[in-house]
Amino acid sequence: MSDDVEKNDVAYRASETGVKPDRSEVAKNEAANIYQDAEHFEKYGYVSRGLKSRHIQFIALGGTIGTGLFLGVGKALKTAGPLSILLGYSFTGIAIFAMMQCLGEMVTWLPLPGAIPQLAERYVDEALGFAVGWNQWYNSAITLCVEISAAAVVIGYWDHNDNHTGIYVAVIIVLIFLLNIYAVSVYGEAEFWFASIKIITIVGLIILAFILDVGGGPDHHRYGFQYWRNPGAMKEYIGVGDTGRFLGLFSTLINAAFSYGGVEMVAVAAGEAENPRKNIPKAVQRVFWRILFFYVLGTLAIGVLVPYNDQNLLDAQESNAPGAAQSPWVIAIDRAGIKGLPHIINAVILTSASSSGNAFLYTGSRYLFAMAQIGQAPRFLLKCTKRGVPIYCVIITASVSLLTFMTVSTGSGNVFNWFSNIVTIANLFTWCVICVASIRFTKALQVQGISRDTLPFRTWGQPYTAWAGLVFFSIIIIFNGFAVFTTGNWKVQDFVTAYIGIPIFFTLYFFWKLVKRTKWRTATEVDLQTGKAAIDAEYWPEQIPKNVWQKIWYWIA
């Protein structure tokens, strides 16, 4: 029996006898095994595996449905046209699926709290772990501001008094903080219900779009694909002819990257998930179908119902109209003459923004916790409550949300746009690092003589899948601000928001590299084993459905 398993004797005996172990004792031993500092974890505490299977599945679902699908897609439609948004979201979705396959493979091998910076540190370079960890922390913290700002925009649909914006921001911040401070199971439960509302709504909207398209609405107008013919399927952007249509399509890739931001958060939850070897692969595998259904069908539905030259769409985008007024879904419903439904959709968008804010406070605090675990953030951040919440990480991350009060003086619509541009590049860097870590992980398995057949979750096409994702995301990073370099479009503000993420990331990387004089790990130096035996020894009894309804539920969750 290995040293790791000996230390985690509670989990080992449970696996041998079939007796369910004391989960808190297993968590403490697992933490001590991975970081080999039992005395420290006795002092500071440890996170607990309080996220059930249904929590993990719906966190993964919630990570793919956000304000981008309800609101942001309207900007893409106005800029590029219906076919361009369909292709742009589809291409980006394929790259996201490839990246998630890479991440799922690594996280299932070793499910750690925070995951991504720890994987980069283990498999590539300590400096890369530092860069991506702090990159993802500020990304999550600023995205928290984005979503709270979006919620303030949404409330403006009902309350046009700008003097109330600060009150709404404060209420949302307090609500999100309380959901994260008590216990991870409370966060998971909140995300379960928030995600359920989003899923029911988007499924209903896609069904409604089909009904309206075939003439089932109050006006009985059959849309078909008439707007793909007039005004057209692909709108010219900046240039003319094929060049203009290509630039329009490329602009949707940038918009889609923002919409897909947060899809990797299921990996962040791996360190606090029950039975991660089963539940994480299930969530990752379903990402493809979620992308196909929610985004591909969603963008197709919007493209057949609303022309890109619709005056309401143009006016809403130009004026940063509040809430659902910017949503092409609401514009389509208004065009069809359906009363009352826009208010329901606005309420759902509000819960969606609140849900995303809740999720990004969680992920930001766990990234900070992960950085402290690998010695790249102060060790006091490792302090956890008795319920397994890294209390100081939550407080510090939540404090960044106070930046959202900028909406009171600057305007929530403008702040939303600034923040969303900044976090898009941070997302892309994180996805690139995941692909790089996967390439090194695959190489280390080969050199260290570990068969891929032994992986708990094995994907096809590696390392070529990782290389394809890396190239795709890198191209978007380099060219995401192309519009500011075209004639008459130069704006310092646009240039800064498009590219500020690049010097931030590389400053973080080279700072740690110079201070610690780190080197890229060779394939033989990559640490594939520390802490793995303890997780292997954990025992999770199989849930056996007792009736057909439980079978259906276990399949969903």
Protein backbone atom coordinates (compact mmCIF):
# COMPACT_ATOMS: atom_id res chain seq x y z
CA MET A 1 0.00 0.00 0.00
CA SER A 2 1.46 3.40 -0.98
CA ASP A 3 2.29 6.16 1.48
CA ASP A 4 -0.65 8.22 0.22
CA VAL A 5 -3.10 5.41 0.88
CA GLU A 6 -1.60 4.71 4.29
CA LYS A 7 -2.17 8.32 5.28
CA ASN A 8 -5.73 8.15 4.06
CA ASP A 9 -6.50 4.93 5.90
CA VAL A 10 -10.14 5.92 6.44
CA ALA A 11 -10.82 5.98 2.70
CA TYR A 12 -8.75 2.85 2.13
CA ARG A 13 -10.55 0.76 4.74
CA ALA A 14 -13.86 1.96 3.36
CA SER A 15 -12.92 0.84 -0.15
CA GLU A 16 -11.95 -2.59 1.18
CA THR A 17 -14.97 -3.17 3.44
CA GLY A 18 -17.68 -1.37 1.50
CA VAL A 19 -18.56 0.74 4.56
CA LYS A 20 -19.29 4.38 3.78
CA PRO A 21 -16.51 6.50 5.37
CA ASP A 22 -16.75 9.66 7.42
CA ARG A 23 -16.60 12.15 4.53
CA SER A 24 -15.14 14.98 6.64
CA GLU A 25 -12.32 12.69 7.81
CA VAL A 26 -11.62 11.66 4.21
CA ALA A 27 -11.52 15.32 3.14
CA LYS A 28 -8.99 16.17 5.83
CA ASN A 29 -6.78 13.22 4.97
CA GLU A 30 -7.04 13.92 1.25
CA ALA A 31 -5.93 17.50 1.83
CA ALA A 32 -2.99 16.34 3.94
CA ASN A 33 -2.00 13.76 1.32
CA ILE A 34 -1.98 16.18 -1.57
CA TYR A 35 -0.07 18.93 0.21
CA GLN A 36 1.75 16.75 2.76
CA ASP A 37 1.11 19.25 5.56
CA ALA A 38 -1.35 17.69 7.96
CA GLU A 39 -0.50 20.06 10.80
CA HIS A 40 -1.25 23.07 8.60
CA PHE A 41 -4.64 21.71 7.53
CA GLU A 42 -5.46 20.89 11.16
CA LYS A 43 -4.99 24.61 11.83
CA TYR A 44 -6.64 26.12 8.77
CA GLY A 45 -9.32 23.57 7.86
CA TYR A 46 -10.17 22.21 4.43
CA VAL A 47 -12.84 22.37 1.76
CA SER A 48 -15.39 19.56 1.78
CA ARG A 49 -16.99 17.51 -0.98
CA GLY A 50 -20.49 18.92 -0.54
CA LEU A 51 -21.57 19.17 -4.20
CA LYS A 52 -23.89 16.36 -5.25
CA SER A 53 -24.23 14.95 -8.75
CA ARG A 54 -27.22 17.14 -9.60
CA HIS A 55 -25.31 20.21 -8.40
CA ILE A 56 -22.38 19.40 -10.68
CA GLN A 57 -24.60 18.74 -13.70
CA PHE A 58 -26.53 21.96 -13.26
CA ILE A 59 -23.41 24.02 -12.51
CA ALA A 60 -22.15 22.76 -15.88
CA LEU A 61 -25.47 23.72 -17.47
CA GLY A 62 -25.52 27.11 -15.79
CA GLY A 63 -21.98 27.75 -17.00
CA THR A 64 -23.13 27.53 -20.62
CA ILE A 65 -26.28 29.66 -20.28
CA GLY A 66 -25.80 33.25 -19.25
CA THR A 67 -26.64 36.82 -20.18
CA GLY A 68 -24.64 36.34 -23.38
CA LEU A 69 -27.32 34.03 -24.80
CA PHE A 70 -30.20 36.24 -23.69
CA LEU A 71 -28.71 39.70 -24.31
CA GLY A 72 -25.26 39.62 -25.93
CA VAL A 73 -26.36 37.71 -29.02
CA GLY A 74 -28.38 40.76 -30.10
CA LYS A 75 -25.20 42.76 -30.66
CA ALA A 76 -23.75 39.94 -32.76
CA LEU A 77 -26.92 39.73 -34.86
CA LYS A 78 -26.90 43.47 -35.52
CA THR A 79 -23.22 43.39 -36.51
CA ALA A 80 -22.96 40.23 -38.62
CA GLY A 81 -26.35 38.76 -39.56
CA PRO A 82 -28.08 35.42 -38.83
CA LEU A 83 -25.83 32.96 -40.69
CA SER A 84 -22.71 34.55 -39.23
CA ILE A 85 -23.90 34.18 -35.63
CA LEU A 86 -24.93 30.58 -36.30
CA LEU A 87 -21.51 29.74 -37.75
CA GLY A 88 -19.58 31.82 -35.20
CA TYR A 89 -21.22 30.23 -32.18
CA SER A 90 -20.92 26.78 -33.77
CA PHE A 91 -17.18 27.12 -34.55
CA THR A 92 -16.44 28.48 -31.09
CA GLY A 93 -18.61 25.77 -29.56
CA ILE A 94 -16.57 23.05 -31.26
CA ALA A 95 -13.33 24.59 -29.91
CA ILE A 96 -14.89 24.85 -26.43
CA PHE A 97 -15.90 21.19 -26.57
CA ALA A 98 -12.33 20.22 -27.53
CA MET A 99 -10.95 22.26 -24.62
CA MET A 100 -13.44 20.74 -22.17
CA GLN A 101 -12.43 17.24 -23.25
CA CYS A 102 -8.83 18.12 -22.38
CA LEU A 103 -9.85 19.59 -19.04
CA GLY A 104 -12.15 16.71 -18.14
CA GLU A 105 -9.38 14.19 -18.76
CA MET A 106 -6.96 15.98 -16.43
CA VAL A 107 -9.44 16.88 -13.70
CA THR A 108 -10.84 13.34 -13.52
CA TRP A 109 -7.30 12.01 -13.11
CA LEU A 110 -6.74 14.35 -10.16
CA PRO A 111 -9.75 16.43 -8.96
CA LEU A 112 -8.31 19.37 -7.02
CA PRO A 113 -9.95 22.55 -5.63
CA GLY A 114 -9.48 25.32 -8.18
CA ALA A 115 -7.93 22.74 -10.53
CA ILE A 116 -6.68 24.84 -13.47
CA PRO A 117 -3.76 26.75 -11.85
CA GLN A 118 -2.71 23.60 -10.01
CA LEU A 119 -2.72 21.57 -13.24
CA ALA A 120 -0.67 24.25 -15.04
CA GLU A 121 1.81 24.33 -12.14
CA ARG A 122 2.16 20.52 -12.04
CA TYR A 123 2.28 19.78 -15.75
CA VAL A 124 3.90 22.83 -17.38
CA ASP A 125 5.58 25.54 -15.30
CA GLU A 126 5.10 27.02 -11.84
CA ALA A 127 5.05 30.49 -13.41
CA LEU A 128 2.24 29.47 -15.78
CA GLY A 129 0.21 28.25 -12.82
CA PHE A 130 0.77 31.61 -11.13
CA ALA A 131 -0.25 33.54 -14.25
CA VAL A 132 -3.40 31.57 -15.03
CA GLY A 133 -4.43 31.42 -11.38
CA TRP A 134 -4.33 35.17 -10.85
CA ASN A 135 -5.66 35.71 -14.39
CA GLN A 136 -8.69 33.56 -13.56
CA TRP A 137 -9.15 35.16 -10.18
CA TYR A 138 -9.39 38.68 -11.59
CA ASN A 139 -11.43 37.29 -14.50
CA SER A 140 -13.96 35.77 -12.10
CA ALA A 141 -13.98 38.87 -9.90
CA ILE A 142 -14.56 41.22 -12.84
CA THR A 143 -17.15 38.87 -14.37
CA LEU A 144 -18.92 39.06 -11.03
CA CYS A 145 -19.08 42.82 -11.65
CA VAL A 146 -20.26 42.19 -15.24
CA GLU A 147 -23.17 40.06 -14.08
CA ILE A 148 -24.18 42.41 -11.28
CA SER A 149 -23.97 45.27 -13.77
CA ALA A 150 -26.14 43.24 -16.17
CA ALA A 151 -28.66 42.70 -13.38
CA ALA A 152 -28.76 46.46 -12.84
CA VAL A 153 -29.39 46.93 -16.58
CA VAL A 154 -32.20 44.36 -16.42
CA ILE A 155 -33.94 46.01 -13.46
CA GLY A 156 -33.90 49.26 -15.43
CA TYR A 157 -36.50 47.63 -17.72
CA TRP A 158 -39.02 48.16 -14.93
CA ASP A 159 -37.55 51.03 -12.91
CA HIS A 160 -36.30 53.91 -15.05
CA ASN A 161 -35.05 55.93 -12.06
CA ASP A 162 -31.24 55.89 -12.27
CA ASN A 163 -31.02 57.00 -8.64
CA HIS A 164 -32.11 53.51 -7.57
CA THR A 165 -29.32 51.68 -9.38
CA GLY A 166 -26.96 51.75 -6.39
CA ILE A 167 -29.62 50.20 -4.15
CA TYR A 168 -30.17 47.30 -6.55
CA VAL A 169 -26.43 46.71 -6.88
CA ALA A 170 -26.06 46.57 -3.09
CA VAL A 171 -28.95 44.13 -2.67
CA ILE A 172 -27.58 41.76 -5.32
CA ILE A 173 -24.06 41.87 -3.84
CA VAL A 174 -25.36 40.99 -0.37
CA LEU A 175 -27.54 38.16 -1.73
CA ILE A 176 -24.68 36.59 -3.68
CA PHE A 177 -22.31 36.92 -0.73
CA LEU A 178 -24.74 35.19 1.63
CA LEU A 179 -25.23 32.29 -0.80
CA ASN A 180 -21.46 31.69 -0.85
CA ILE A 181 -20.57 32.21 2.80
CA TYR A 182 -22.62 29.48 4.50
CA ALA A 183 -21.65 26.17 2.87
CA VAL A 184 -20.77 24.88 -0.59
CA SER A 185 -23.97 22.80 -0.59
CA VAL A 186 -25.99 26.04 -0.29
CA TYR A 187 -24.18 27.46 -3.31
CA GLY A 188 -24.80 24.20 -5.19
CA GLU A 189 -28.48 24.21 -4.29
CA ALA A 190 -28.89 27.83 -5.39
CA GLU A 191 -27.18 27.08 -8.71
CA PHE A 192 -29.39 24.02 -9.18
CA TRP A 193 -32.56 26.12 -9.02
CA PHE A 194 -31.14 29.10 -10.90
CA ALA A 195 -29.96 26.81 -13.71
CA SER A 196 -33.33 25.02 -13.76
CA ILE A 197 -35.07 28.34 -14.44
CA LYS A 198 -32.63 29.20 -17.24
CA ILE A 199 -32.97 25.77 -18.85
CA ILE A 200 -36.77 25.79 -18.77
CA THR A 201 -36.81 29.30 -20.23
CA ILE A 202 -34.39 28.70 -23.11
CA VAL A 203 -36.09 25.41 -24.01
CA GLY A 204 -39.43 27.23 -23.99
CA LEU A 205 -38.06 30.05 -26.15
CA ILE A 206 -36.65 27.61 -28.72
CA ILE A 207 -40.01 25.82 -28.90
CA LEU A 208 -41.80 29.18 -29.15
CA ALA A 209 -39.45 30.24 -31.94
CA PHE A 210 -40.35 27.12 -33.93
CA ILE A 211 -44.07 27.77 -33.41
CA LEU A 212 -43.73 31.40 -34.51
CA ASP A 213 -41.58 30.45 -37.49
CA VAL A 214 -44.24 28.11 -38.91
CA GLY A 215 -47.06 30.61 -38.37
CA GLY A 216 -48.39 29.62 -34.96
CA GLY A 217 -48.20 33.09 -33.43
CA PRO A 218 -51.06 35.59 -32.94
CA ASP A 219 -50.29 37.21 -36.31
CA HIS A 220 -50.13 33.78 -38.07
CA HIS A 221 -47.19 35.00 -40.12
CA ARG A 222 -44.90 32.25 -41.45
CA TYR A 223 -41.31 33.44 -41.28
CA GLY A 224 -39.38 30.53 -42.77
CA PHE A 225 -35.95 31.85 -43.71
CA GLN A 226 -37.21 35.05 -45.31
CA TYR A 227 -34.80 37.25 -43.34
CA TRP A 228 -31.87 35.21 -44.63
CA ARG A 229 -32.87 36.38 -48.11
CA ASN A 230 -33.88 39.93 -47.18
CA PRO A 231 -31.94 41.75 -45.75
CA GLY A 232 -29.51 38.80 -46.00
CA ALA A 233 -27.80 35.93 -44.20
CA MET A 234 -24.42 37.61 -43.67
CA LYS A 235 -24.01 41.32 -43.04
CA GLU A 236 -20.94 43.17 -44.22
CA TYR A 237 -18.89 44.62 -41.36
CA ILE A 238 -16.27 47.35 -41.90
CA GLY A 239 -15.30 46.00 -45.34
CA VAL A 240 -17.41 45.21 -48.41
CA GLY A 241 -18.15 42.04 -50.30
CA ASP A 242 -16.55 38.80 -49.12
CA THR A 243 -14.08 40.70 -46.92
CA GLY A 244 -16.88 42.47 -45.08
CA ARG A 245 -18.84 39.25 -44.59
CA PHE A 246 -15.73 37.46 -43.30
CA LEU A 247 -15.01 40.26 -40.80
CA GLY A 248 -18.63 40.07 -39.65
CA LEU A 249 -18.25 36.34 -39.09
CA PHE A 250 -14.96 36.82 -37.22
CA SER A 251 -16.56 39.41 -34.94
CA THR A 252 -19.09 36.80 -33.81
CA LEU A 253 -16.25 34.55 -32.62
CA ILE A 254 -15.29 37.25 -30.13
CA ASN A 255 -18.89 37.66 -29.00
CA ALA A 256 -19.28 33.89 -28.65
CA ALA A 257 -16.10 33.69 -26.55
CA PHE A 258 -17.73 36.00 -24.00
CA SER A 259 -20.98 34.04 -24.06
CA TYR A 260 -19.18 30.74 -23.41
CA GLY A 261 -17.12 32.22 -20.56
CA GLY A 262 -17.46 30.15 -17.40
CA VAL A 263 -18.01 26.83 -19.13
CA GLU A 264 -14.87 25.54 -17.39
CA MET A 265 -16.26 26.20 -13.90
CA VAL A 266 -17.34 22.57 -13.56
CA ALA A 267 -13.63 21.78 -13.19
CA VAL A 268 -13.31 24.33 -10.40
CA ALA A 269 -16.03 22.43 -8.54
CA ALA A 270 -14.21 19.10 -8.96
CA GLY A 271 -12.35 19.50 -5.68
CA GLU A 272 -15.66 19.78 -3.79
CA ALA A 273 -17.69 17.25 -5.78
CA GLU A 274 -19.00 13.95 -4.56
CA ASN A 275 -17.70 11.03 -6.61
CA PRO A 276 -15.72 13.27 -9.04
CA ARG A 277 -14.51 10.30 -11.09
CA LYS A 278 -18.12 9.68 -12.18
CA ASN A 279 -19.80 13.07 -12.03
CA ILE A 280 -17.16 15.25 -13.71
CA PRO A 281 -16.87 13.10 -16.89
CA LYS A 282 -20.66 12.99 -17.17
CA ALA A 283 -20.87 16.79 -16.98
CA VAL A 284 -18.00 17.29 -19.46
CA GLN A 285 -19.40 14.84 -21.99
CA ARG A 286 -22.74 16.62 -22.01
CA VAL A 287 -21.16 19.96 -22.84
CA PHE A 288 -21.37 19.11 -26.56
CA TRP A 289 -25.13 18.53 -26.45
CA ARG A 290 -25.70 21.66 -24.38
CA ILE A 291 -23.73 23.71 -26.91
CA LEU A 292 -25.62 22.12 -29.79
CA PHE A 293 -29.04 22.60 -28.24
CA PHE A 294 -28.83 25.91 -26.43
CA TYR A 295 -26.46 27.94 -28.59
CA VAL A 296 -26.70 26.46 -32.07
CA LEU A 297 -30.48 26.07 -32.00
CA GLY A 298 -30.79 29.31 -30.04
CA THR A 299 -28.86 31.41 -32.56
CA LEU A 300 -30.69 29.70 -35.42
CA ALA A 301 -34.04 30.54 -33.81
CA ILE A 302 -33.10 34.20 -33.32
CA GLY A 303 -31.81 34.47 -36.89
CA VAL A 304 -35.08 33.34 -38.44
CA LEU A 305 -37.29 35.59 -36.29
CA VAL A 306 -35.45 38.92 -36.25
CA PRO A 307 -33.73 40.63 -39.22
CA TYR A 308 -30.40 42.28 -38.47
CA ASN A 309 -31.80 45.64 -39.65
CA ASP A 310 -34.82 45.58 -37.31
CA GLN A 311 -35.24 49.14 -36.01
CA ASN A 312 -36.01 48.04 -32.46
CA LEU A 313 -32.83 45.96 -32.41
CA LEU A 314 -30.75 48.84 -33.78
CA ASP A 315 -32.24 51.37 -31.35
CA ALA A 316 -31.79 49.08 -28.34
CA GLN A 317 -28.12 48.44 -29.15
CA GLU A 318 -27.33 52.08 -29.89
CA SER A 319 -28.97 53.39 -26.71
CA ASN A 320 -27.96 50.52 -24.39
CA ALA A 321 -31.65 50.01 -23.68
CA PRO A 322 -32.35 48.45 -20.29
CA GLY A 323 -32.88 44.74 -19.72
CA ALA A 324 -34.99 42.67 -22.04
CA ALA A 325 -35.36 45.55 -24.50
CA GLN A 326 -31.90 44.54 -25.84
CA SER A 327 -32.88 40.89 -26.18
CA PRO A 328 -33.66 39.67 -29.72
CA TRP A 329 -35.97 37.11 -28.07
CA VAL A 330 -38.14 39.92 -26.71
CA ILE A 331 -38.02 41.80 -30.00
CA ALA A 332 -39.26 38.65 -31.79
CA ILE A 333 -42.07 38.24 -29.25
CA ASP A 334 -43.11 41.89 -29.64
CA ARG A 335 -43.09 41.52 -33.42
CA ALA A 336 -45.41 38.50 -33.08
CA GLY A 337 -47.83 40.48 -30.87
CA ILE A 338 -47.51 38.37 -27.71
CA LYS A 339 -48.28 40.49 -24.63
CA GLY A 340 -46.84 40.08 -21.14
CA LEU A 341 -44.12 37.59 -22.01
CA PRO A 342 -41.31 40.17 -22.22
CA HIS A 343 -41.70 40.85 -18.49
CA ILE A 344 -41.31 37.14 -17.72
CA ILE A 345 -38.19 36.95 -19.89
CA ASN A 346 -36.78 40.03 -18.18
CA ALA A 347 -37.31 38.32 -14.81
CA VAL A 348 -35.49 35.23 -16.09
CA ILE A 349 -32.59 37.35 -17.40
CA LEU A 350 -32.40 38.90 -13.92
CA THR A 351 -32.16 35.46 -12.28
CA SER A 352 -29.63 34.45 -14.95
CA ALA A 353 -27.39 37.43 -14.14
CA SER A 354 -27.74 36.76 -10.41
CA SER A 355 -26.96 33.08 -10.95
CA SER A 356 -23.84 33.87 -12.95
CA GLY A 357 -22.71 36.34 -10.31
CA ASN A 358 -23.22 33.67 -7.66
CA ALA A 359 -21.18 31.19 -9.70
CA PHE A 360 -18.30 33.57 -10.40
CA LEU A 361 -17.97 34.54 -6.74
CA TYR A 362 -17.64 30.83 -6.01
CA THR A 363 -15.09 30.16 -8.77
CA GLY A 364 -13.08 33.30 -7.97
CA SER A 365 -12.78 32.35 -4.32
CA ARG A 366 -11.72 28.79 -5.23
CA TYR A 367 -9.06 30.03 -7.64
CA LEU A 368 -7.69 32.19 -4.83
CA PHE A 369 -7.79 29.17 -2.52
CA ALA A 370 -5.96 27.05 -5.12
CA MET A 371 -3.25 29.69 -5.43
CA ALA A 372 -2.75 29.66 -1.68
CA GLN A 373 -2.50 25.86 -1.74
CA ILE A 374 0.44 25.94 -4.15
CA GLY A 375 2.16 28.77 -2.30
CA GLN A 376 1.38 31.53 -4.81
CA ALA A 377 -0.94 33.51 -2.53
CA PRO A 378 -0.77 34.25 1.23
CA ARG A 379 -1.35 31.18 3.39
CA PHE A 380 -4.00 32.87 5.57
CA LEU A 381 -6.31 32.45 2.55
CA LEU A 382 -6.37 28.70 3.32
CA LYS A 383 -8.51 29.34 6.39
CA CYS A 384 -11.82 27.50 6.03
CA THR A 385 -14.95 27.54 8.14
CA LYS A 386 -16.23 24.39 9.81
CA ARG A 387 -18.50 23.95 6.80
CA GLY A 388 -15.54 23.97 4.39
CA VAL A 389 -15.85 27.51 2.99
CA PRO A 390 -12.55 29.39 2.40
CA ILE A 391 -13.84 32.44 4.22
CA TYR A 392 -11.14 35.00 3.42
CA CYS A 393 -11.10 34.01 -0.26
CA VAL A 394 -14.84 34.65 -0.47
CA ILE A 395 -14.60 38.01 1.33
CA ILE A 396 -11.71 39.30 -0.80
CA THR A 397 -13.31 38.21 -4.08
CA ALA A 398 -16.67 39.66 -3.06
CA SER A 399 -15.02 42.99 -2.22
CA VAL A 400 -14.09 43.44 -5.90
CA SER A 401 -17.81 43.52 -6.69
CA LEU A 402 -17.90 47.00 -5.12
CA LEU A 403 -16.47 48.23 -8.44
CA THR A 404 -19.98 47.69 -9.79
CA PHE A 405 -21.03 50.91 -8.06
CA MET A 406 -19.33 52.59 -11.03
CA THR A 407 -22.65 51.93 -12.77
CA VAL A 408 -24.22 54.65 -10.65
CA SER A 409 -22.06 57.41 -12.13
CA THR A 410 -21.02 56.01 -15.51
CA GLY A 411 -24.08 54.09 -16.62
CA SER A 412 -24.60 50.37 -16.22
CA GLY A 413 -24.70 49.73 -19.95
CA ASN A 414 -21.26 51.27 -20.56
CA VAL A 415 -19.70 49.50 -17.58
CA PHE A 416 -21.14 46.19 -18.74
CA ASN A 417 -19.47 46.64 -22.15
CA TRP A 418 -16.09 47.63 -20.65
CA PHE A 419 -16.02 44.70 -18.27
CA SER A 420 -17.21 42.15 -20.85
CA ASN A 421 -14.42 43.12 -23.27
CA ILE A 422 -11.75 42.71 -20.58
CA VAL A 423 -12.92 39.31 -19.32
CA THR A 424 -13.24 37.81 -22.80
CA ILE A 425 -9.45 37.87 -23.25
CA ALA A 426 -8.92 36.48 -19.76
CA ASN A 427 -11.22 33.56 -20.66
CA LEU A 428 -9.30 32.89 -23.85
CA PHE A 429 -5.95 32.82 -22.03
CA THR A 430 -7.33 30.32 -19.54
CA TRP A 431 -8.57 28.06 -22.32
CA CYS A 432 -5.15 28.28 -24.01
CA VAL A 433 -3.43 27.26 -20.76
CA ILE A 434 -5.80 24.29 -20.40
CA CYS A 435 -4.82 23.13 -23.89
CA VAL A 436 -1.08 23.59 -23.15
CA ALA A 437 -1.43 21.66 -19.87
CA SER A 438 -3.25 18.88 -21.71
CA ILE A 439 -0.47 18.62 -24.31
CA ARG A 440 2.12 18.28 -21.53
CA PHE A 441 -0.11 15.84 -19.60
CA THR A 442 -0.41 13.58 -22.65
CA LYS A 443 3.37 13.72 -23.23
CA ALA A 444 4.10 12.94 -19.56
CA LEU A 445 1.80 9.89 -19.65
CA GLN A 446 3.70 8.60 -22.67
CA VAL A 447 7.19 9.22 -21.25
CA GLN A 448 6.37 7.90 -17.79
CA GLY A 449 4.90 4.71 -19.22
CA ILE A 450 1.30 5.25 -18.10
CA SER A 451 -1.18 3.83 -20.58
CA ARG A 452 -4.02 6.10 -21.60
CA ASP A 453 -6.27 3.10 -21.15
CA THR A 454 -5.83 3.53 -17.37
CA LEU A 455 -7.31 7.05 -17.38
CA PRO A 456 -10.66 7.29 -15.55
CA PHE A 457 -11.88 9.50 -18.41
CA ARG A 458 -10.16 9.06 -21.77
CA THR A 459 -10.83 11.27 -24.80
CA TRP A 460 -9.95 10.70 -28.43
CA GLY A 461 -7.59 12.65 -30.68
CA GLN A 462 -5.07 13.80 -28.07
CA PRO A 463 -2.85 15.77 -28.31
CA TYR A 464 -4.19 17.01 -31.66
CA THR A 465 -7.48 18.10 -30.12
CA ALA A 466 -5.57 20.25 -27.63
CA TRP A 467 -3.41 21.76 -30.38
CA ALA A 468 -6.48 22.65 -32.45
CA GLY A 469 -8.11 24.41 -29.49
CA LEU A 470 -4.88 26.25 -28.67
CA VAL A 471 -4.51 27.59 -32.23
CA PHE A 472 -8.17 28.67 -32.43
CA PHE A 473 -8.16 30.58 -29.13
CA SER A 474 -4.77 32.17 -29.87
CA ILE A 475 -6.03 33.59 -33.17
CA ILE A 476 -8.98 35.24 -31.41
CA ILE A 477 -6.67 36.73 -28.75
CA ILE A 478 -4.38 38.27 -31.37
CA PHE A 479 -7.07 39.63 -33.69
CA ASN A 480 -9.95 40.35 -31.29
CA GLY A 481 -9.40 44.12 -31.56
CA PHE A 482 -8.98 44.21 -35.33
CA ALA A 483 -11.75 46.80 -35.75
CA VAL A 484 -9.76 49.60 -34.05
CA PHE A 485 -7.02 49.33 -36.70
CA THR A 486 -9.40 49.96 -39.61
CA THR A 487 -9.89 53.39 -41.13
CA GLY A 488 -11.91 55.75 -38.96
CA ASN A 489 -12.43 53.31 -36.09
CA TRP A 490 -9.47 54.09 -33.83
CA LYS A 491 -10.49 54.64 -30.20
CA VAL A 492 -8.02 54.42 -27.35
CA GLN A 493 -10.69 53.03 -25.01
CA ASP A 494 -11.56 50.23 -27.46
CA PHE A 495 -7.89 49.39 -28.00
CA VAL A 496 -7.18 49.20 -24.26
CA THR A 497 -10.20 47.03 -23.44
CA ALA A 498 -9.39 44.71 -26.37
CA TYR A 499 -5.74 44.15 -25.49
CA ILE A 500 -5.13 45.03 -21.83
CA GLY A 501 -5.50 41.34 -20.92
CA ILE A 502 -2.39 40.37 -22.92
CA PRO A 503 0.19 42.46 -20.98
CA ILE A 504 -1.55 41.57 -17.70
CA PHE A 505 -1.16 37.84 -18.36
CA PHE A 506 2.46 37.99 -19.51
CA THR A 507 3.43 40.38 -16.71
CA LEU A 508 2.12 37.84 -14.20
CA TYR A 509 3.98 35.03 -15.96
CA PHE A 510 7.37 36.74 -16.25
CA PHE A 511 7.13 38.26 -12.77
CA TRP A 512 6.91 34.83 -11.13
CA LYS A 513 9.41 33.32 -13.55
CA LEU A 514 12.02 35.95 -12.74
CA VAL A 515 11.36 35.98 -9.00
CA LYS A 516 11.37 32.19 -8.60
CA ARG A 517 13.55 31.37 -11.63
CA THR A 518 11.19 28.61 -12.67
CA LYS A 519 11.66 26.32 -15.65
CA TRP A 520 9.29 24.40 -17.85
CA ARG A 521 8.93 20.90 -16.52
CA THR A 522 10.22 18.08 -18.68
CA ALA A 523 7.90 15.14 -19.29
CA THR A 524 9.77 13.10 -16.68
CA GLU A 525 9.47 15.91 -14.08
CA VAL A 526 5.70 16.28 -14.46
CA ASP A 527 4.00 15.24 -11.19
CA LEU A 528 1.17 12.86 -12.09
CA GLN A 529 0.94 10.98 -8.80
CA THR A 530 1.01 13.16 -5.66
CA GLY A 531 -2.37 12.89 -3.96
CA LYS A 532 -3.85 10.55 -6.57
CA ALA A 533 -3.77 7.40 -4.43
CA ALA A 534 -5.85 9.06 -1.74
CA ILE A 535 -8.54 9.95 -4.24
CA ASP A 536 -8.36 6.48 -5.79
CA ALA A 537 -9.05 5.00 -2.37
CA GLU A 538 -12.22 6.98 -1.77
CA TYR A 539 -15.38 4.90 -1.70
CA TRP A 540 -18.61 6.17 -3.24
CA PRO A 541 -21.52 3.70 -3.13
CA GLU A 542 -23.37 3.32 -6.43
CA GLN A 543 -26.86 4.81 -6.53
CA ILE A 544 -29.28 2.20 -7.79
CA PRO A 545 -32.58 3.58 -9.16
CA LYS A 546 -35.67 1.96 -7.67
CA ASN A 547 -38.17 2.95 -10.36
CA VAL A 548 -38.42 4.46 -13.83
CA TRP A 549 -38.64 8.03 -12.50
CA GLN A 550 -35.41 7.60 -10.56
CA LYS A 551 -33.77 6.17 -13.68
CA ILE A 552 -34.76 9.30 -15.59
CA TRP A 553 -33.57 11.56 -12.76
CA TYR A 554 -30.22 9.79 -12.38
CA TRP A 555 -29.72 10.13 -16.14
CA ILE A 556 -30.38 13.89 -15.93
CA ALA A 557 -28.40 14.49 -12.73
